[in-house]
Every structure is written in C-alpha cells, then in structure tokens.
Amino acid sequence: MKFAIAGAGAMGCRFAYQLKQSGQEVILIDRWPAHIEAIRQNGLHVDWNGQEVVEQFPIYYPEEVTEQVDVVIVFTKAMQLADMLSAIQPVFGPDTAVVCLLNGLGHELVMKQYVAEENLVMGSTIWSAALDGPGRAVLHGVGSLSLQNFVDTPSARAKTQAIVAALDAAGLQASYSENVKAAIWRKACVNACGNAPTALLECDLGGFFDNPYTEELVSAIAQEFTAVAATQGVEFDPAELTQFIISASLKIREHHASMYQDLIINRRLTEVDYINGAVTRIGEAAGIPTPVNRTITQLVHMKELLLGAQ
C-alpha cells in the first residue's frame, strides 16, 4: 500500500516511521516550514526507544502533493482538519481510504464534507510520541489502535481490515473494532483528564496522576463524560473509566501530553474545544450539565491568552 500521513507531527512521524520500516511506501504532508526543511535536508531523526536512527521521507506542503495514494492517515490538529482535507484533494482516488485518528470528538462531521463515506475510516489510538524540534521525533513506549469503517458495507469492511493488517504488521498493535465509537469517546475522556490539567499545571503525566488530589478530579470528569456519552449511545462505568485512565496514564508517566507540548513548549493554541469543550457542547444540547469540563476549558483558554498562544 501507499500511505500519506496528513499532519507529520509527533504521532504522524510515529506511524510513518513504523509503516516504512515494515516495507510500506509513505509520504508526509505538513505545513511547518522548519520541520519540512529539516526532513528534506537531513531526513527524519528518530529516537526509537533510546536508539538514534534516521529515515528518509518525501515531505510536501499540502498544495504541493499531486500523487494519489491508497490510504491517507490524518493526524492534524482538530482545528486544522478542514483546511488539510480541502488542500489535499488531489491525493484522493475513487477508492482512497481516509483514516481519522485525531484527538477529540465530532470529526466525522467535517470528514464527510471532503471524503466519500464509503472511504471513511474512524479510529482511536493510545500510542504516544513527541517532537524534540523540527525533524526530530521521540518514539518511546507501547500502545495500540482500533479502526472501523464509517459505513458498514462488505467493501468498506474489507478495505478497513486490509489497513488494519498493514498497521498491525508495522508493530502498531492494530485491531478491527465493531464499536470504535466507544473507543473514540474513551480516548477523548483520557485526553480530557490528561491533556488540559497537565498543560494548566505544567507537568508530565506522572506529576499529575501521582498527585493525591487527582483521582477526585478525574472521577468528576469521567462522570460527566459518562452521562453525555450515554446520550450518544455509548455506555461506560464511570468508576471503571476512572481507573482505566489513571492506569493507562501512569504507564507513560514521563510523557508530556500533546496539549502541554502545544501550549507550554510551542505557545500554540490547543484542541481543548474538541475535547473538554466538545463534551460540554454535546452535554448542553442534551440538557446535561458539565461544570468541571466547562471550567477546565475556560482555564485553558485563559492560559492561552496569558501565554500569547497562536
């Protein structure tokens, strides 16, 4: 298969590197000039669980790419999704699958404006990664991902299962899901508990989840997510969800979450409106109050202003 990674940030670099190592053809698409120039000049430098390696990739600005591919995996920030999909239309053939692995909720509404539903694949991943400057990816730890075709037809299912097989062969622990919507909501809750609080407190995951006050806050976030998810046909046990979040986060305790990387390191605007803010909006529409997630969203926006994030 020929893959395009649309959004060659930390996670995009992880998937690109592992796919290429398994023998797949991969191109990168991004908008960060320094990152693009570094990879073009020096290749992608990868810290692979402590081992330094370099891999060469073709990398393009969205407007430069014209070649059609078999699979596009989208890893943009949520607020950049529509712009990216609009710009890379030339890569979409009639059967090109487009895999959405973004953080947060509601991305299928944007995806459907640019991608035929038959070709749309939704997914969730708990892999982590970081960038240590332009053209430098830090890929430590373990993870997994699950995918499901957006429409349930035999051809869409077969296409998705072939993608799952390729990703799994790349060591990405991929599986086909019969209910990826639940996995997406669960991941969104993990992000709601680990991303915004660690950005606000300016700490890694271990620093937050080791704190004796953390479990009460995580439980409150999980309870609000559980109530709102139920209106979307997704059922959780809030106590089980709370313990899953704490356990999963402590397995990568030295990791700085993506919102910390965006806001604290790079002074960039965050995806909080698509995570804590999304559950607040969906809750409002369903008549369910979400005061904890609302407050966290407001605090992140306040910090964005204080730090001059752009």
C-alpha atoms as a PDB file:
ATOM      1  CA  MET A   1       0.000   0.000   0.000  1.00  0.00           C
ATOM      2  CA  LYS A   2       0.977   3.614  -0.488  1.00  0.00           C
ATOM      3  CA  PHE A   3       0.278   5.761   2.568  1.00  0.00           C
ATOM      4  CA  ALA A   4       0.133   9.529   3.003  1.00  0.00           C
ATOM      5  CA  ILE A   5       0.434  10.938   6.527  1.00  0.00           C
ATOM      6  CA  ALA A   6      -1.501  14.223   6.589  1.00  0.00           C
ATOM      7  CA  GLY A   7      -0.071  16.018   9.597  1.00  0.00           C
ATOM      8  CA  ALA A   8       3.529  14.947  10.196  1.00  0.00           C
ATOM      9  CA  GLY A   9       3.684  15.892  13.852  1.00  0.00           C
ATOM     10  CA  ALA A  10       4.777  13.531  16.597  1.00  0.00           C
ATOM     11  CA  MET A  11       2.121  10.871  16.021  1.00  0.00           C
ATOM     12  CA  GLY A  12       2.282  11.219  12.251  1.00  0.00           C
ATOM     13  CA  CYS A  13       6.030  10.609  12.419  1.00  0.00           C
ATOM     14  CA  ARG A  14       5.499   7.508  14.563  1.00  0.00           C
ATOM     15  CA  PHE A  15       3.081   5.941  12.104  1.00  0.00           C
ATOM     16  CA  ALA A  16       5.204   6.963   9.116  1.00  0.00           C
ATOM     17  CA  TYR A  17       8.382   5.520  10.608  1.00  0.00           C
ATOM     18  CA  GLN A  18       6.832   2.208  11.638  1.00  0.00           C
ATOM     19  CA  LEU A  19       4.984   1.788   8.346  1.00  0.00           C
ATOM     20  CA  LYS A  20       8.139   2.439   6.320  1.00  0.00           C
ATOM     21  CA  GLN A  21      10.133   0.046   8.485  1.00  0.00           C
ATOM     22  CA  SER A  22       7.590  -2.652   7.622  1.00  0.00           C
ATOM     23  CA  GLY A  23       8.044  -2.100   3.890  1.00  0.00           C
ATOM     24  CA  GLN A  24       5.179   0.269   3.069  1.00  0.00           C
ATOM     25  CA  GLU A  25       5.593   3.331   0.838  1.00  0.00           C
ATOM     26  CA  VAL A  26       4.965   6.523   2.830  1.00  0.00           C
ATOM     27  CA  ILE A  27       4.832  10.238   2.050  1.00  0.00           C
ATOM     28  CA  LEU A  28       4.457  13.042   4.594  1.00  0.00           C
ATOM     29  CA  ILE A  29       2.284  16.160   4.278  1.00  0.00           C
ATOM     30  CA  ASP A  30       2.644  19.101   6.667  1.00  0.00           C
ATOM     31  CA  ARG A  31       2.647  22.903   6.943  1.00  0.00           C
ATOM     32  CA  TRP A  32       5.510  23.564   9.401  1.00  0.00           C
ATOM     33  CA  PRO A  33       8.302  25.089   7.259  1.00  0.00           C
ATOM     34  CA  ALA A  34      11.185  24.299   9.640  1.00  0.00           C
ATOM     35  CA  HIS A  35      10.023  20.680  10.023  1.00  0.00           C
ATOM     36  CA  ILE A  36       9.657  20.225   6.273  1.00  0.00           C
ATOM     37  CA  GLU A  37      13.072  21.736   5.559  1.00  0.00           C
ATOM     38  CA  ALA A  38      14.773  19.636   8.266  1.00  0.00           C
ATOM     39  CA  ILE A  39      13.342  16.376   6.895  1.00  0.00           C
ATOM     40  CA  ARG A  40      14.149  17.318   3.302  1.00  0.00           C
ATOM     41  CA  GLN A  41      17.729  18.209   4.178  1.00  0.00           C
ATOM     42  CA  ASN A  42      18.600  15.672   6.874  1.00  0.00           C
ATOM     43  CA  GLY A  43      15.866  13.022   6.973  1.00  0.00           C
ATOM     44  CA  LEU A  44      13.667  12.295   9.970  1.00  0.00           C
ATOM     45  CA  HIS A  45      15.778  11.754  13.082  1.00  0.00           C
ATOM     46  CA  VAL A  46      14.078   9.244  15.379  1.00  0.00           C
ATOM     47  CA  ASP A  47      14.774   8.380  18.994  1.00  0.00           C
ATOM     48  CA  TRP A  48      13.395   4.843  18.833  1.00  0.00           C
ATOM     49  CA  ASN A  49      13.177   3.729  22.460  1.00  0.00           C
ATOM     50  CA  GLY A  50      16.629   5.176  23.088  1.00  0.00           C
ATOM     51  CA  GLN A  51      18.200   4.185  19.753  1.00  0.00           C
ATOM     52  CA  GLU A  52      19.022   7.016  17.349  1.00  0.00           C
ATOM     53  CA  VAL A  53      18.081   6.305  13.725  1.00  0.00           C
ATOM     54  CA  VAL A  54      17.473   8.369  10.594  1.00  0.00           C
ATOM     55  CA  GLU A  55      14.847   7.630   7.934  1.00  0.00           C
ATOM     56  CA  GLN A  56      14.299   9.437   4.634  1.00  0.00           C
ATOM     57  CA  PHE A  57      10.797  10.523   3.596  1.00  0.00           C
ATOM     58  CA  PRO A  58       9.333  12.602   0.787  1.00  0.00           C
ATOM     59  CA  ILE A  59       7.574  15.511   2.538  1.00  0.00           C
ATOM     60  CA  TYR A  60       5.294  18.101   0.963  1.00  0.00           C
ATOM     61  CA  TYR A  61       3.220  21.140   1.738  1.00  0.00           C
ATOM     62  CA  PRO A  62      -0.468  20.248   1.169  1.00  0.00           C
ATOM     63  CA  GLU A  63      -0.645  22.294  -2.040  1.00  0.00           C
ATOM     64  CA  GLU A  64       2.414  20.524  -3.487  1.00  0.00           C
ATOM     65  CA  VAL A  65       1.210  16.936  -3.383  1.00  0.00           C
ATOM     66  CA  THR A  66      -0.490  15.583  -6.510  1.00  0.00           C
ATOM     67  CA  GLU A  67       0.063  11.813  -6.456  1.00  0.00           C
ATOM     68  CA  GLN A  68      -2.854   9.570  -5.497  1.00  0.00           C
ATOM     69  CA  VAL A  69      -2.372   7.137  -2.622  1.00  0.00           C
ATOM     70  CA  ASP A  70      -4.164   4.090  -1.264  1.00  0.00           C
ATOM     71  CA  VAL A  71      -4.549   5.351   2.312  1.00  0.00           C
ATOM     72  CA  VAL A  72      -4.428   8.783   3.936  1.00  0.00           C
ATOM     73  CA  ILE A  73      -3.980   8.813   7.711  1.00  0.00           C
ATOM     74  CA  VAL A  74      -4.992  12.172   9.155  1.00  0.00           C
ATOM     75  CA  PHE A  75      -3.073  13.442  12.191  1.00  0.00           C
ATOM     76  CA  THR A  76      -3.665  17.193  12.021  1.00  0.00           C
ATOM     77  CA  LYS A  77      -4.795  19.250  14.972  1.00  0.00           C
ATOM     78  CA  ALA A  78      -8.590  19.307  15.090  1.00  0.00           C
ATOM     79  CA  MET A  79      -8.847  22.959  14.076  1.00  0.00           C
ATOM     80  CA  GLN A  80      -6.665  22.290  11.002  1.00  0.00           C
ATOM     81  CA  LEU A  81      -8.671  19.330   9.695  1.00  0.00           C
ATOM     82  CA  ALA A  82     -10.920  21.090   7.168  1.00  0.00           C
ATOM     83  CA  ASP A  83      -8.041  23.103   5.704  1.00  0.00           C
ATOM     84  CA  MET A  84      -5.907  19.977   5.251  1.00  0.00           C
ATOM     85  CA  LEU A  85      -8.646  17.882   3.643  1.00  0.00           C
ATOM     86  CA  SER A  86      -9.551  20.703   1.286  1.00  0.00           C
ATOM     87  CA  ALA A  87      -5.932  21.210   0.229  1.00  0.00           C
ATOM     88  CA  ILE A  88      -5.035  17.562  -0.435  1.00  0.00           C
ATOM     89  CA  GLN A  89      -7.976  16.579  -2.647  1.00  0.00           C
ATOM     90  CA  PRO A  90      -5.577  15.540  -5.483  1.00  0.00           C
ATOM     91  CA  VAL A  91      -4.321  12.590  -3.394  1.00  0.00           C
ATOM     92  CA  PHE A  92      -7.813  11.102  -3.177  1.00  0.00           C
ATOM     93  CA  GLY A  93      -8.571   8.481  -5.802  1.00  0.00           C
ATOM     94  CA  PRO A  94     -12.039   6.908  -6.102  1.00  0.00           C
ATOM     95  CA  ASP A  95     -11.050   4.191  -3.603  1.00  0.00           C
ATOM     96  CA  THR A  96      -8.584   6.043  -1.363  1.00  0.00           C
ATOM     97  CA  ALA A  97      -9.322   5.273   2.288  1.00  0.00           C
ATOM     98  CA  VAL A  98      -9.043   8.186   4.715  1.00  0.00           C
ATOM     99  CA  VAL A  99      -8.334   7.229   8.325  1.00  0.00           C
ATOM    100  CA  CYS A 100      -9.159   9.726  11.067  1.00  0.00           C
ATOM    101  CA  LEU A 101      -7.049   9.336  14.225  1.00  0.00           C
ATOM    102  CA  LEU A 102      -7.441  12.827  15.678  1.00  0.00           C
ATOM    103  CA  ASN A 103      -7.935  13.564  19.357  1.00  0.00           C
ATOM    104  CA  GLY A 104     -11.413  14.649  20.400  1.00  0.00           C
ATOM    105  CA  LEU A 105     -14.997  14.275  19.270  1.00  0.00           C
ATOM    106  CA  GLY A 106     -17.145  15.071  16.236  1.00  0.00           C
ATOM    107  CA  HIS A 107     -14.540  14.897  13.461  1.00  0.00           C
ATOM    108  CA  GLU A 108     -16.722  12.690  11.273  1.00  0.00           C
ATOM    109  CA  LEU A 109     -18.948  15.734  10.631  1.00  0.00           C
ATOM    110  CA  VAL A 110     -16.013  17.528   8.974  1.00  0.00           C
ATOM    111  CA  MET A 111     -14.625  14.411   7.287  1.00  0.00           C
ATOM    112  CA  LYS A 112     -17.899  13.716   5.479  1.00  0.00           C
ATOM    113  CA  GLN A 113     -17.679  17.092   3.742  1.00  0.00           C
ATOM    114  CA  TYR A 114     -14.477  16.047   1.936  1.00  0.00           C
ATOM    115  CA  VAL A 115     -14.423  12.238   1.866  1.00  0.00           C
ATOM    116  CA  ALA A 116     -16.934   9.757   0.471  1.00  0.00           C
ATOM    117  CA  GLU A 117     -18.493   7.889   3.386  1.00  0.00           C
ATOM    118  CA  GLU A 118     -17.593   4.565   1.754  1.00  0.00           C
ATOM    119  CA  ASN A 119     -13.908   5.558   2.063  1.00  0.00           C
ATOM    120  CA  LEU A 120     -14.037   6.976   5.580  1.00  0.00           C
ATOM    121  CA  VAL A 121     -12.406   5.034   8.434  1.00  0.00           C
ATOM    122  CA  MET A 122     -12.693   6.191  12.038  1.00  0.00           C
ATOM    123  CA  GLY A 123     -10.208   5.136  14.673  1.00  0.00           C
ATOM    124  CA  SER A 124      -8.708   5.619  18.091  1.00  0.00           C
ATOM    125  CA  THR A 125      -5.140   5.132  19.278  1.00  0.00           C
ATOM    126  CA  ILE A 126      -3.360   5.214  22.616  1.00  0.00           C
ATOM    127  CA  TRP A 127       0.138   5.415  21.151  1.00  0.00           C
ATOM    128  CA  SER A 128       2.176   8.412  22.286  1.00  0.00           C
ATOM    129  CA  ALA A 129       5.028  10.367  20.698  1.00  0.00           C
ATOM    130  CA  ALA A 130       6.800  13.712  20.916  1.00  0.00           C
ATOM    131  CA  LEU A 131       8.833  16.055  18.742  1.00  0.00           C
ATOM    132  CA  ASP A 132      12.200  17.246  20.004  1.00  0.00           C
ATOM    133  CA  GLY A 133      12.450  20.039  17.472  1.00  0.00           C
ATOM    134  CA  PRO A 134      11.976  20.178  13.675  1.00  0.00           C
ATOM    135  CA  GLY A 135      12.688  16.839  12.023  1.00  0.00           C
ATOM    136  CA  ARG A 136      13.268  15.052  15.349  1.00  0.00           C
ATOM    137  CA  ALA A 137      10.746  12.525  16.733  1.00  0.00           C
ATOM    138  CA  VAL A 138      10.871  10.774  20.103  1.00  0.00           C
ATOM    139  CA  LEU A 139       9.109   7.402  19.867  1.00  0.00           C
ATOM    140  CA  HIS A 140       9.071   5.570  23.191  1.00  0.00           C
ATOM    141  CA  GLY A 141       6.671   3.160  24.867  1.00  0.00           C
ATOM    142  CA  VAL A 142       3.862   0.929  23.696  1.00  0.00           C
ATOM    143  CA  GLY A 143       0.309   1.445  22.504  1.00  0.00           C
ATOM    144  CA  SER A 144      -2.470   0.162  20.293  1.00  0.00           C
ATOM    145  CA  LEU A 145      -5.175   1.331  17.919  1.00  0.00           C
ATOM    146  CA  SER A 146      -8.571   0.258  16.665  1.00  0.00           C
ATOM    147  CA  LEU A 147     -10.335   1.086  13.388  1.00  0.00           C
ATOM    148  CA  GLN A 148     -13.810   0.701  11.940  1.00  0.00           C
ATOM    149  CA  ASN A 149     -15.288   1.667   8.572  1.00  0.00           C
ATOM    150  CA  PHE A 150     -17.813   4.511   8.787  1.00  0.00           C
ATOM    151  CA  VAL A 151     -20.433   2.739   6.667  1.00  0.00           C
ATOM    152  CA  ASP A 152     -20.975  -0.971   7.118  1.00  0.00           C
ATOM    153  CA  THR A 153     -20.699  -2.417   3.621  1.00  0.00           C
ATOM    154  CA  PRO A 154     -18.688  -5.507   2.634  1.00  0.00           C
ATOM    155  CA  SER A 155     -16.276  -3.451   0.522  1.00  0.00           C
ATOM    156  CA  ALA A 156     -15.735  -0.823   3.231  1.00  0.00           C
ATOM    157  CA  ARG A 157     -15.139  -3.502   5.838  1.00  0.00           C
ATOM    158  CA  ALA A 158     -12.670  -5.366   3.601  1.00  0.00           C
ATOM    159  CA  LYS A 159     -10.774  -2.137   2.898  1.00  0.00           C
ATOM    160  CA  THR A 160     -10.556  -1.320   6.609  1.00  0.00           C
ATOM    161  CA  GLN A 161      -9.439  -4.812   7.537  1.00  0.00           C
ATOM    162  CA  ALA A 162      -6.635  -4.605   4.953  1.00  0.00           C
ATOM    163  CA  ILE A 163      -5.478  -1.326   6.528  1.00  0.00           C
ATOM    164  CA  VAL A 164      -5.632  -2.905   9.986  1.00  0.00           C
ATOM    165  CA  ALA A 165      -3.439  -5.762   8.748  1.00  0.00           C
ATOM    166  CA  ALA A 166      -0.838  -3.343   7.338  1.00  0.00           C
ATOM    167  CA  LEU A 167      -0.744  -1.266  10.527  1.00  0.00           C
ATOM    168  CA  ASP A 168      -0.517  -4.345  12.692  1.00  0.00           C
ATOM    169  CA  ALA A 169       2.340  -5.697  10.577  1.00  0.00           C
ATOM    170  CA  ALA A 170       4.105  -2.399  11.298  1.00  0.00           C
ATOM    171  CA  GLY A 171       4.014  -3.179  15.017  1.00  0.00           C
ATOM    172  CA  LEU A 172       1.252  -0.692  15.782  1.00  0.00           C
ATOM    173  CA  GLN A 173      -0.930  -3.267  17.559  1.00  0.00           C
ATOM    174  CA  ALA A 174      -3.909  -2.569  15.296  1.00  0.00           C
ATOM    175  CA  SER A 175      -7.275  -4.293  15.574  1.00  0.00           C
ATOM    176  CA  TYR A 176     -10.643  -4.109  13.848  1.00  0.00           C
ATOM    177  CA  SER A 177     -13.412  -2.799  16.104  1.00  0.00           C
ATOM    178  CA  GLU A 178     -17.130  -3.426  15.921  1.00  0.00           C
ATOM    179  CA  ASN A 179     -17.710  -0.348  18.104  1.00  0.00           C
ATOM    180  CA  VAL A 180     -14.969   2.204  17.516  1.00  0.00           C
ATOM    181  CA  LYS A 181     -17.306   4.989  18.652  1.00  0.00           C
ATOM    182  CA  ALA A 182     -16.902   3.792  22.234  1.00  0.00           C
ATOM    183  CA  ALA A 183     -13.115   3.722  21.829  1.00  0.00           C
ATOM    184  CA  ILE A 184     -13.162   7.297  20.493  1.00  0.00           C
ATOM    185  CA  TRP A 185     -15.213   8.501  23.466  1.00  0.00           C
ATOM    186  CA  ARG A 186     -12.968   6.628  25.902  1.00  0.00           C
ATOM    187  CA  LYS A 187      -9.858   8.160  24.325  1.00  0.00           C
ATOM    188  CA  ALA A 188     -11.476  11.604  24.470  1.00  0.00           C
ATOM    189  CA  CYS A 189     -12.026  11.142  28.188  1.00  0.00           C
ATOM    190  CA  VAL A 190      -8.406  10.029  28.638  1.00  0.00           C
ATOM    191  CA  ASN A 191      -7.342  13.210  26.828  1.00  0.00           C
ATOM    192  CA  ALA A 192      -9.746  15.344  28.865  1.00  0.00           C
ATOM    193  CA  CYS A 193      -8.148  14.079  32.065  1.00  0.00           C
ATOM    194  CA  GLY A 194      -4.501  14.131  30.976  1.00  0.00           C
ATOM    195  CA  ASN A 195      -4.116  16.906  28.415  1.00  0.00           C
ATOM    196  CA  ALA A 196      -5.699  20.047  29.828  1.00  0.00           C
ATOM    197  CA  PRO A 197      -4.777  19.522  33.507  1.00  0.00           C
ATOM    198  CA  THR A 198      -1.107  18.840  32.747  1.00  0.00           C
ATOM    199  CA  ALA A 199      -0.964  21.888  30.474  1.00  0.00           C
ATOM    200  CA  LEU A 200      -2.501  24.017  33.221  1.00  0.00           C
ATOM    201  CA  LEU A 201      -0.167  22.615  35.892  1.00  0.00           C
ATOM    202  CA  GLU A 202       2.851  22.423  33.541  1.00  0.00           C
ATOM    203  CA  CYS A 203       3.819  18.863  34.450  1.00  0.00           C
ATOM    204  CA  ASP A 204       4.202  15.424  32.896  1.00  0.00           C
ATOM    205  CA  LEU A 205       1.601  12.696  33.310  1.00  0.00           C
ATOM    206  CA  GLY A 206       3.363  11.183  36.319  1.00  0.00           C
ATOM    207  CA  GLY A 207       3.436  14.505  38.115  1.00  0.00           C
ATOM    208  CA  PHE A 208      -0.313  14.868  37.686  1.00  0.00           C
ATOM    209  CA  PHE A 209      -1.504  11.305  38.269  1.00  0.00           C
ATOM    210  CA  ASP A 210       0.708  10.812  41.342  1.00  0.00           C
ATOM    211  CA  ASN A 211      -0.930  13.812  42.991  1.00  0.00           C
ATOM    212  CA  PRO A 212      -3.327  12.825  45.822  1.00  0.00           C
ATOM    213  CA  TYR A 213      -5.951  15.301  44.559  1.00  0.00           C
ATOM    214  CA  THR A 214      -6.016  13.870  41.035  1.00  0.00           C
ATOM    215  CA  GLU A 215      -8.366  10.906  41.409  1.00  0.00           C
ATOM    216  CA  GLU A 216     -11.236  13.098  42.593  1.00  0.00           C
ATOM    217  CA  LEU A 217     -10.846  15.398  39.575  1.00  0.00           C
ATOM    218  CA  VAL A 218     -10.508  12.500  37.119  1.00  0.00           C
ATOM    219  CA  SER A 219     -13.602  10.873  38.600  1.00  0.00           C
ATOM    220  CA  ALA A 220     -15.601  14.089  38.147  1.00  0.00           C
ATOM    221  CA  ILE A 221     -14.502  14.420  34.505  1.00  0.00           C
ATOM    222  CA  ALA A 222     -15.302  10.740  33.858  1.00  0.00           C
ATOM    223  CA  GLN A 223     -18.759  11.061  35.405  1.00  0.00           C
ATOM    224  CA  GLU A 224     -19.604  13.966  33.110  1.00  0.00           C
ATOM    225  CA  PHE A 225     -18.276  12.088  30.073  1.00  0.00           C
ATOM    226  CA  THR A 226     -20.280   9.010  31.044  1.00  0.00           C
ATOM    227  CA  ALA A 227     -23.526  10.983  31.320  1.00  0.00           C
ATOM    228  CA  VAL A 228     -23.038  12.738  27.983  1.00  0.00           C
ATOM    229  CA  ALA A 229     -21.763   9.648  26.136  1.00  0.00           C
ATOM    230  CA  ALA A 230     -24.952   7.796  27.120  1.00  0.00           C
ATOM    231  CA  THR A 231     -26.944  10.299  25.034  1.00  0.00           C
ATOM    232  CA  GLN A 232     -24.836   9.222  22.039  1.00  0.00           C
ATOM    233  CA  GLY A 233     -25.413   5.510  22.579  1.00  0.00           C
ATOM    234  CA  VAL A 234     -22.100   4.882  24.348  1.00  0.00           C
ATOM    235  CA  GLU A 235     -22.157   3.305  27.799  1.00  0.00           C
ATOM    236  CA  PHE A 236     -19.387   3.490  30.426  1.00  0.00           C
ATOM    237  CA  ASP A 237     -18.997   2.587  34.074  1.00  0.00           C
ATOM    238  CA  PRO A 238     -17.528   5.830  35.491  1.00  0.00           C
ATOM    239  CA  ALA A 239     -15.571   4.037  38.227  1.00  0.00           C
ATOM    240  CA  GLU A 240     -14.034   1.627  35.713  1.00  0.00           C
ATOM    241  CA  LEU A 241     -13.328   4.506  33.326  1.00  0.00           C
ATOM    242  CA  THR A 242     -11.577   6.465  36.079  1.00  0.00           C
ATOM    243  CA  GLN A 243      -9.292   3.570  36.960  1.00  0.00           C
ATOM    244  CA  PHE A 244      -8.553   2.864  33.287  1.00  0.00           C
ATOM    245  CA  ILE A 245      -7.478   6.489  32.758  1.00  0.00           C
ATOM    246  CA  ILE A 246      -5.202   6.500  35.800  1.00  0.00           C
ATOM    247  CA  SER A 247      -3.652   3.135  34.966  1.00  0.00           C
ATOM    248  CA  ALA A 248      -3.100   3.934  31.278  1.00  0.00           C
ATOM    249  CA  SER A 249      -1.595   7.335  32.036  1.00  0.00           C
ATOM    250  CA  LEU A 250       0.846   6.047  34.630  1.00  0.00           C
ATOM    251  CA  LYS A 251       2.226   3.567  32.085  1.00  0.00           C
ATOM    252  CA  ILE A 252       3.655   6.572  30.211  1.00  0.00           C
ATOM    253  CA  ARG A 253       4.274   8.690  33.298  1.00  0.00           C
ATOM    254  CA  GLU A 254       7.264  10.593  31.863  1.00  0.00           C
ATOM    255  CA  HIS A 255       5.309  11.655  28.769  1.00  0.00           C
ATOM    256  CA  HIS A 256       4.221  15.263  28.267  1.00  0.00           C
ATOM    257  CA  ALA A 257       0.743  15.259  26.753  1.00  0.00           C
ATOM    258  CA  SER A 258       0.145  16.882  23.379  1.00  0.00           C
ATOM    259  CA  MET A 259      -1.632  19.891  24.888  1.00  0.00           C
ATOM    260  CA  TYR A 260       1.393  20.546  27.115  1.00  0.00           C
ATOM    261  CA  GLN A 261       3.634  20.300  24.052  1.00  0.00           C
ATOM    262  CA  ASP A 262       1.403  22.689  22.103  1.00  0.00           C
ATOM    263  CA  LEU A 263       0.807  25.311  24.772  1.00  0.00           C
ATOM    264  CA  ILE A 264       3.750  25.223  27.168  1.00  0.00           C
ATOM    265  CA  ILE A 265       6.577  24.313  24.793  1.00  0.00           C
ATOM    266  CA  ASN A 266       5.411  25.797  21.489  1.00  0.00           C
ATOM    267  CA  ARG A 267       2.927  28.506  22.595  1.00  0.00           C
ATOM    268  CA  ARG A 268       0.325  27.173  20.165  1.00  0.00           C
ATOM    269  CA  LEU A 269      -3.441  27.197  20.567  1.00  0.00           C
ATOM    270  CA  THR A 270      -4.826  23.916  21.879  1.00  0.00           C
ATOM    271  CA  GLU A 271      -7.502  21.381  20.944  1.00  0.00           C
ATOM    272  CA  VAL A 272      -9.391  21.856  24.215  1.00  0.00           C
ATOM    273  CA  ASP A 273     -12.601  22.883  22.379  1.00  0.00           C
ATOM    274  CA  TYR A 274     -12.656  19.440  20.731  1.00  0.00           C
ATOM    275  CA  ILE A 275     -12.061  17.539  23.980  1.00  0.00           C
ATOM    276  CA  ASN A 276     -13.332  19.063  27.245  1.00  0.00           C
ATOM    277  CA  GLY A 277     -15.174  21.722  25.263  1.00  0.00           C
ATOM    278  CA  ALA A 278     -16.806  19.153  22.984  1.00  0.00           C
ATOM    279  CA  VAL A 279     -18.356  17.179  25.825  1.00  0.00           C
ATOM    280  CA  THR A 280     -19.621  20.484  27.238  1.00  0.00           C
ATOM    281  CA  ARG A 281     -21.311  21.425  23.943  1.00  0.00           C
ATOM    282  CA  ILE A 282     -22.836  17.976  23.443  1.00  0.00           C
ATOM    283  CA  GLY A 283     -23.973  17.989  27.063  1.00  0.00           C
ATOM    284  CA  GLU A 284     -25.621  21.387  26.657  1.00  0.00           C
ATOM    285  CA  ALA A 285     -27.571  20.167  23.638  1.00  0.00           C
ATOM    286  CA  ALA A 286     -28.773  17.164  25.662  1.00  0.00           C
ATOM    287  CA  GLY A 287     -29.573  19.180  28.788  1.00  0.00           C
ATOM    288  CA  ILE A 288     -26.737  17.635  30.823  1.00  0.00           C
ATOM    289  CA  PRO A 289     -24.554  19.982  32.897  1.00  0.00           C
ATOM    290  CA  THR A 290     -20.773  19.564  32.667  1.00  0.00           C
ATOM    291  CA  PRO A 291     -19.393  22.188  35.068  1.00  0.00           C
ATOM    292  CA  VAL A 292     -15.987  20.557  35.545  1.00  0.00           C
ATOM    293  CA  ASN A 293     -15.224  20.236  31.836  1.00  0.00           C
ATOM    294  CA  ARG A 294     -16.598  23.728  31.198  1.00  0.00           C
ATOM    295  CA  THR A 295     -14.308  25.222  33.838  1.00  0.00           C
ATOM    296  CA  ILE A 296     -11.267  23.344  32.539  1.00  0.00           C
ATOM    297  CA  THR A 297     -11.993  24.599  29.009  1.00  0.00           C
ATOM    298  CA  GLN A 298     -12.243  28.176  30.242  1.00  0.00           C
ATOM    299  CA  LEU A 299      -8.998  27.882  32.217  1.00  0.00           C
ATOM    300  CA  VAL A 300      -7.107  26.565  29.198  1.00  0.00           C
ATOM    301  CA  HIS A 301      -8.356  29.459  27.065  1.00  0.00           C
ATOM    302  CA  MET A 302      -7.306  31.881  29.797  1.00  0.00           C
ATOM    303  CA  LYS A 303      -3.827  30.347  29.820  1.00  0.00           C
ATOM    304  CA  GLU A 304      -3.644  30.543  26.010  1.00  0.00           C
ATOM    305  CA  LEU A 305      -4.263  34.289  26.271  1.00  0.00           C
ATOM    306  CA  LEU A 306      -1.777  34.754  29.111  1.00  0.00           C
ATOM    307  CA  LEU A 307       0.955  32.944  27.157  1.00  0.00           C
ATOM    308  CA  GLY A 308       0.158  34.632  23.853  1.00  0.00           C
ATOM    309  CA  ALA A 309      -0.555  31.314  22.113  1.00  0.00           C
ATOM    310  CA  GLN A 310      -1.142  31.492  18.371  1.00  0.00           C
END
